[in-house]
């Protein structure tokens, strides 16, 4: 499990990182189980290898993100906690966008998420729209919007309309 200093970028991201970290503690194996026997069993002296993603309770690859941070030359040194935190933030953003896009696809009575649903999900959410304001989504279309000037004027309670062209 990742234990260390956490820099808060955004309250919702911090909340998600705490939840992910607490879930990784809850998913540990009980100590009373016997080790597996047979050909695929681990040797008694060898340490069990767990990926850093598994230890952090993430789906996104921590090792790959660490490698890309090193190869990208963003800094001369990359700490051990940086790729874990970045993977948690990216996983949170992906889950948030996919959840909203799934809701948009369900609203349109579709089973499959297409780029249009991702566009609708991002543009209808205030924070995601601000984050991705300069992003163009291919085949996303535009937000449905009719300017209020172009809409027909509402009539009063009487049957008489002002501005009518009838004589």
C-alpha atoms as a PDB file:
ATOM      1  CA  UNK A   1       0.000   0.000   0.000  1.00  0.00           C
ATOM      2  CA  UNK A   2       1.188   3.500  -0.792  1.00  0.00           C
ATOM      3  CA  UNK A   3       1.839   5.519   2.334  1.00  0.00           C
ATOM      4  CA  UNK A   4       3.284   8.988   2.144  1.00  0.00           C
ATOM      5  CA  UNK A   5       2.616  12.644   1.814  1.00  0.00           C
ATOM      6  CA  UNK A   6      -0.377  13.597  -0.353  1.00  0.00           C
ATOM      7  CA  UNK A   7      -0.529  16.969  -2.071  1.00  0.00           C
ATOM      8  CA  UNK A   8      -4.138  18.059  -2.546  1.00  0.00           C
ATOM      9  CA  UNK A   9      -4.805  19.213  -6.094  1.00  0.00           C
ATOM     10  CA  UNK A  10      -8.577  19.186  -5.846  1.00  0.00           C
ATOM     11  CA  UNK A  11     -10.848  18.078  -2.997  1.00  0.00           C
ATOM     12  CA  UNK A  12     -12.703  15.499  -5.083  1.00  0.00           C
ATOM     13  CA  UNK A  13      -9.435  13.948  -6.298  1.00  0.00           C
ATOM     14  CA  UNK A  14      -8.128  13.795  -2.722  1.00  0.00           C
ATOM     15  CA  UNK A  15     -11.346  12.075  -1.611  1.00  0.00           C
ATOM     16  CA  UNK A  16     -11.001   9.496  -4.383  1.00  0.00           C
ATOM     17  CA  UNK A  17      -7.358   8.802  -3.575  1.00  0.00           C
ATOM     18  CA  UNK A  18      -8.268   8.227   0.080  1.00  0.00           C
ATOM     19  CA  UNK A  19     -11.089   5.842  -0.928  1.00  0.00           C
ATOM     20  CA  UNK A  20      -8.783   3.939  -3.298  1.00  0.00           C
ATOM     21  CA  UNK A  21      -6.117   3.669  -0.611  1.00  0.00           C
ATOM     22  CA  UNK A  22      -8.602   2.487   2.007  1.00  0.00           C
ATOM     23  CA  UNK A  23     -10.073  -0.114  -0.370  1.00  0.00           C
ATOM     24  CA  UNK A  24      -6.615  -1.522  -1.013  1.00  0.00           C
ATOM     25  CA  UNK A  25      -6.236  -2.112   2.727  1.00  0.00           C
ATOM     26  CA  UNK A  26      -9.640  -3.836   2.903  1.00  0.00           C
ATOM     27  CA  UNK A  27      -8.863  -6.234   0.014  1.00  0.00           C
ATOM     28  CA  UNK A  28      -5.820  -7.892   1.629  1.00  0.00           C
ATOM     29  CA  UNK A  29      -5.932 -11.685   1.994  1.00  0.00           C
ATOM     30  CA  UNK A  30      -6.637 -13.152   5.415  1.00  0.00           C
ATOM     31  CA  UNK A  31      -3.547 -14.557   7.151  1.00  0.00           C
ATOM     32  CA  UNK A  32      -5.136 -17.920   8.010  1.00  0.00           C
ATOM     33  CA  UNK A  33      -5.319 -19.288   4.432  1.00  0.00           C
ATOM     34  CA  UNK A  34      -2.992 -22.079   3.336  1.00  0.00           C
ATOM     35  CA  UNK A  35      -0.699 -21.465   0.369  1.00  0.00           C
ATOM     36  CA  UNK A  36      -1.625 -23.170  -2.887  1.00  0.00           C
ATOM     37  CA  UNK A  37       0.036 -26.530  -3.509  1.00  0.00           C
ATOM     38  CA  UNK A  38       1.039 -28.027  -6.820  1.00  0.00           C
ATOM     39  CA  UNK A  39       3.107 -27.066  -9.818  1.00  0.00           C
ATOM     40  CA  UNK A  40       2.116 -23.380  -9.837  1.00  0.00           C
ATOM     41  CA  UNK A  41       2.703 -22.901  -6.101  1.00  0.00           C
ATOM     42  CA  UNK A  42       5.317 -20.425  -4.904  1.00  0.00           C
ATOM     43  CA  UNK A  43       8.418 -21.667  -3.171  1.00  0.00           C
ATOM     44  CA  UNK A  44       8.489 -21.225   0.616  1.00  0.00           C
ATOM     45  CA  UNK A  45      11.493 -18.868   0.540  1.00  0.00           C
ATOM     46  CA  UNK A  46      10.468 -16.677  -2.430  1.00  0.00           C
ATOM     47  CA  UNK A  47       8.632 -13.414  -1.908  1.00  0.00           C
ATOM     48  CA  UNK A  48       5.265 -12.992  -3.593  1.00  0.00           C
ATOM     49  CA  UNK A  49       5.450 -10.402  -6.352  1.00  0.00           C
ATOM     50  CA  UNK A  50       2.594  -7.948  -6.517  1.00  0.00           C
ATOM     51  CA  UNK A  51       2.310  -5.128  -9.005  1.00  0.00           C
ATOM     52  CA  UNK A  52       2.289  -1.606  -7.668  1.00  0.00           C
ATOM     53  CA  UNK A  53      -1.147  -1.159  -9.190  1.00  0.00           C
ATOM     54  CA  UNK A  54      -2.440  -4.088  -7.132  1.00  0.00           C
ATOM     55  CA  UNK A  55      -0.799  -2.770  -3.972  1.00  0.00           C
ATOM     56  CA  UNK A  56      -2.369   0.661  -4.507  1.00  0.00           C
ATOM     57  CA  UNK A  57      -5.739  -0.873  -5.448  1.00  0.00           C
ATOM     58  CA  UNK A  58      -5.756   0.717  -8.908  1.00  0.00           C
ATOM     59  CA  UNK A  59      -6.654  -0.488 -12.375  1.00  0.00           C
ATOM     60  CA  UNK A  60      -4.324   1.937 -14.161  1.00  0.00           C
ATOM     61  CA  UNK A  61      -0.709   0.713 -14.594  1.00  0.00           C
ATOM     62  CA  UNK A  62       1.570   2.383 -12.043  1.00  0.00           C
ATOM     63  CA  UNK A  63       4.752   0.852 -13.479  1.00  0.00           C
ATOM     64  CA  UNK A  64       4.003   2.008 -17.011  1.00  0.00           C
ATOM     65  CA  UNK A  65       3.201   5.533 -15.831  1.00  0.00           C
ATOM     66  CA  UNK A  66       6.466   5.580 -13.850  1.00  0.00           C
ATOM     67  CA  UNK A  67       8.418   4.483 -16.936  1.00  0.00           C
ATOM     68  CA  UNK A  68       6.752   7.131 -19.093  1.00  0.00           C
ATOM     69  CA  UNK A  69       7.455   9.834 -16.509  1.00  0.00           C
ATOM     70  CA  UNK A  70      11.144   8.834 -16.528  1.00  0.00           C
ATOM     71  CA  UNK A  71      11.392   8.600 -20.323  1.00  0.00           C
ATOM     72  CA  UNK A  72       9.478  11.842 -20.830  1.00  0.00           C
ATOM     73  CA  UNK A  73      12.236  13.768 -19.027  1.00  0.00           C
ATOM     74  CA  UNK A  74       9.726  15.843 -17.036  1.00  0.00           C
ATOM     75  CA  UNK A  75      12.166  15.918 -14.129  1.00  0.00           C
ATOM     76  CA  UNK A  76      15.608  14.510 -13.408  1.00  0.00           C
ATOM     77  CA  UNK A  77      14.217  12.399 -10.549  1.00  0.00           C
ATOM     78  CA  UNK A  78      10.774  10.816 -10.118  1.00  0.00           C
ATOM     79  CA  UNK A  79       9.649   9.775  -6.638  1.00  0.00           C
ATOM     80  CA  UNK A  80       8.012   6.456  -5.869  1.00  0.00           C
ATOM     81  CA  UNK A  81       4.661   8.059  -4.943  1.00  0.00           C
ATOM     82  CA  UNK A  82       4.306  10.253  -8.036  1.00  0.00           C
ATOM     83  CA  UNK A  83       3.200   7.539 -10.491  1.00  0.00           C
ATOM     84  CA  UNK A  84       0.794   6.079  -7.903  1.00  0.00           C
ATOM     85  CA  UNK A  85      -0.856   9.455  -7.363  1.00  0.00           C
ATOM     86  CA  UNK A  86      -0.957  10.207 -11.100  1.00  0.00           C
ATOM     87  CA  UNK A  87      -2.475   6.781 -11.833  1.00  0.00           C
ATOM     88  CA  UNK A  88      -5.139   7.382  -9.160  1.00  0.00           C
ATOM     89  CA  UNK A  89      -6.037  10.789 -10.614  1.00  0.00           C
ATOM     90  CA  UNK A  90      -6.191   9.449 -14.181  1.00  0.00           C
ATOM     91  CA  UNK A  91      -8.313   6.490 -13.075  1.00  0.00           C
ATOM     92  CA  UNK A  92     -10.693   8.829 -11.255  1.00  0.00           C
ATOM     93  CA  UNK A  93     -11.078  11.084 -14.307  1.00  0.00           C
ATOM     94  CA  UNK A  94     -11.638   8.120 -16.619  1.00  0.00           C
ATOM     95  CA  UNK A  95     -14.249   6.630 -14.276  1.00  0.00           C
ATOM     96  CA  UNK A  96     -16.033   9.979 -13.949  1.00  0.00           C
ATOM     97  CA  UNK A  97     -16.179  10.543 -17.716  1.00  0.00           C
ATOM     98  CA  UNK A  98     -17.276   6.957 -18.399  1.00  0.00           C
ATOM     99  CA  UNK A  99     -20.014   7.153 -15.789  1.00  0.00           C
ATOM    100  CA  UNK A 100     -21.420  10.378 -17.223  1.00  0.00           C
ATOM    101  CA  UNK A 101     -21.091   9.075 -20.799  1.00  0.00           C
ATOM    102  CA  UNK A 102     -22.920   5.887 -19.790  1.00  0.00           C
ATOM    103  CA  UNK A 103     -25.735   7.996 -18.360  1.00  0.00           C
ATOM    104  CA  UNK A 104     -25.852  10.014 -21.609  1.00  0.00           C
ATOM    105  CA  UNK A 105     -26.013   6.834 -23.695  1.00  0.00           C
ATOM    106  CA  UNK A 106     -28.812   5.483 -21.500  1.00  0.00           C
ATOM    107  CA  UNK A 107     -30.713   8.776 -21.922  1.00  0.00           C
ATOM    108  CA  UNK A 108     -30.459   8.305 -25.691  1.00  0.00           C
ATOM    109  CA  UNK A 109     -31.665   4.675 -25.340  1.00  0.00           C
ATOM    110  CA  UNK A 110     -28.348   3.269 -26.598  1.00  0.00           C
ATOM    111  CA  UNK A 111     -26.260   0.470 -25.162  1.00  0.00           C
ATOM    112  CA  UNK A 112     -22.905   1.508 -26.607  1.00  0.00           C
ATOM    113  CA  UNK A 113     -20.970   4.652 -25.677  1.00  0.00           C
ATOM    114  CA  UNK A 114     -19.984   6.641 -28.771  1.00  0.00           C
ATOM    115  CA  UNK A 115     -17.986   9.900 -29.014  1.00  0.00           C
ATOM    116  CA  UNK A 116     -21.235  11.902 -29.035  1.00  0.00           C
ATOM    117  CA  UNK A 117     -22.066  10.602 -25.553  1.00  0.00           C
ATOM    118  CA  UNK A 118     -18.605  11.515 -24.279  1.00  0.00           C
ATOM    119  CA  UNK A 119     -19.026  15.016 -25.721  1.00  0.00           C
ATOM    120  CA  UNK A 120     -22.431  15.438 -24.071  1.00  0.00           C
ATOM    121  CA  UNK A 121     -21.093  14.135 -20.759  1.00  0.00           C
ATOM    122  CA  UNK A 122     -18.124  16.507 -20.690  1.00  0.00           C
ATOM    123  CA  UNK A 123     -19.983  19.618 -21.867  1.00  0.00           C
ATOM    124  CA  UNK A 124     -22.888  19.130 -19.435  1.00  0.00           C
ATOM    125  CA  UNK A 125     -20.562  18.817 -16.433  1.00  0.00           C
ATOM    126  CA  UNK A 126     -19.265  22.186 -15.227  1.00  0.00           C
ATOM    127  CA  UNK A 127     -15.888  21.025 -13.873  1.00  0.00           C
ATOM    128  CA  UNK A 128     -15.068  18.648 -16.736  1.00  0.00           C
ATOM    129  CA  UNK A 129     -16.068  21.313 -19.244  1.00  0.00           C
ATOM    130  CA  UNK A 130     -13.673  23.759 -17.598  1.00  0.00           C
ATOM    131  CA  UNK A 131     -10.872  21.164 -17.551  1.00  0.00           C
ATOM    132  CA  UNK A 132     -11.404  20.092 -21.178  1.00  0.00           C
ATOM    133  CA  UNK A 133     -12.565  23.434 -22.623  1.00  0.00           C
ATOM    134  CA  UNK A 134      -9.858  23.508 -25.312  1.00  0.00           C
ATOM    135  CA  UNK A 135     -10.297  19.842 -26.312  1.00  0.00           C
ATOM    136  CA  UNK A 136     -12.037  18.847 -29.543  1.00  0.00           C
ATOM    137  CA  UNK A 137     -13.629  15.403 -29.554  1.00  0.00           C
ATOM    138  CA  UNK A 138     -13.718  13.842 -33.020  1.00  0.00           C
ATOM    139  CA  UNK A 139     -17.282  12.932 -34.098  1.00  0.00           C
ATOM    140  CA  UNK A 140     -18.586  14.548 -30.914  1.00  0.00           C
ATOM    141  CA  UNK A 141     -20.896  17.057 -32.569  1.00  0.00           C
ATOM    142  CA  UNK A 142     -22.057  20.217 -30.829  1.00  0.00           C
ATOM    143  CA  UNK A 143     -24.264  20.919 -27.856  1.00  0.00           C
ATOM    144  CA  UNK A 144     -27.931  21.382 -28.764  1.00  0.00           C
ATOM    145  CA  UNK A 145     -28.697  25.071 -28.294  1.00  0.00           C
ATOM    146  CA  UNK A 146     -31.253  27.477 -29.793  1.00  0.00           C
ATOM    147  CA  UNK A 147     -30.730  31.148 -29.038  1.00  0.00           C
ATOM    148  CA  UNK A 148     -33.646  32.697 -27.157  1.00  0.00           C
ATOM    149  CA  UNK A 149     -34.066  35.430 -29.800  1.00  0.00           C
ATOM    150  CA  UNK A 150     -34.894  32.810 -32.412  1.00  0.00           C
ATOM    151  CA  UNK A 151     -37.652  31.178 -30.373  1.00  0.00           C
ATOM    152  CA  UNK A 152     -41.265  32.285 -31.067  1.00  0.00           C
ATOM    153  CA  UNK A 153     -42.640  34.851 -28.645  1.00  0.00           C
ATOM    154  CA  UNK A 154     -45.164  33.668 -26.094  1.00  0.00           C
ATOM    155  CA  UNK A 155     -48.682  35.097 -26.468  1.00  0.00           C
ATOM    156  CA  UNK A 156     -50.703  36.655 -23.660  1.00  0.00           C
ATOM    157  CA  UNK A 157     -53.884  35.199 -22.142  1.00  0.00           C
ATOM    158  CA  UNK A 158     -56.087  36.979 -24.658  1.00  0.00           C
ATOM    159  CA  UNK A 159     -56.435  35.637 -28.178  1.00  0.00           C
ATOM    160  CA  UNK A 160     -55.117  38.931 -29.615  1.00  0.00           C
ATOM    161  CA  UNK A 161     -51.442  38.947 -30.628  1.00  0.00           C
ATOM    162  CA  UNK A 162     -49.428  42.127 -30.864  1.00  0.00           C
ATOM    163  CA  UNK A 163     -47.154  42.453 -33.871  1.00  0.00           C
ATOM    164  CA  UNK A 164     -49.345  40.285 -36.090  1.00  0.00           C
ATOM    165  CA  UNK A 165     -49.166  40.864 -39.833  1.00  0.00           C
ATOM    166  CA  UNK A 166     -52.854  40.197 -40.373  1.00  0.00           C
ATOM    167  CA  UNK A 167     -55.068  43.148 -41.423  1.00  0.00           C
END
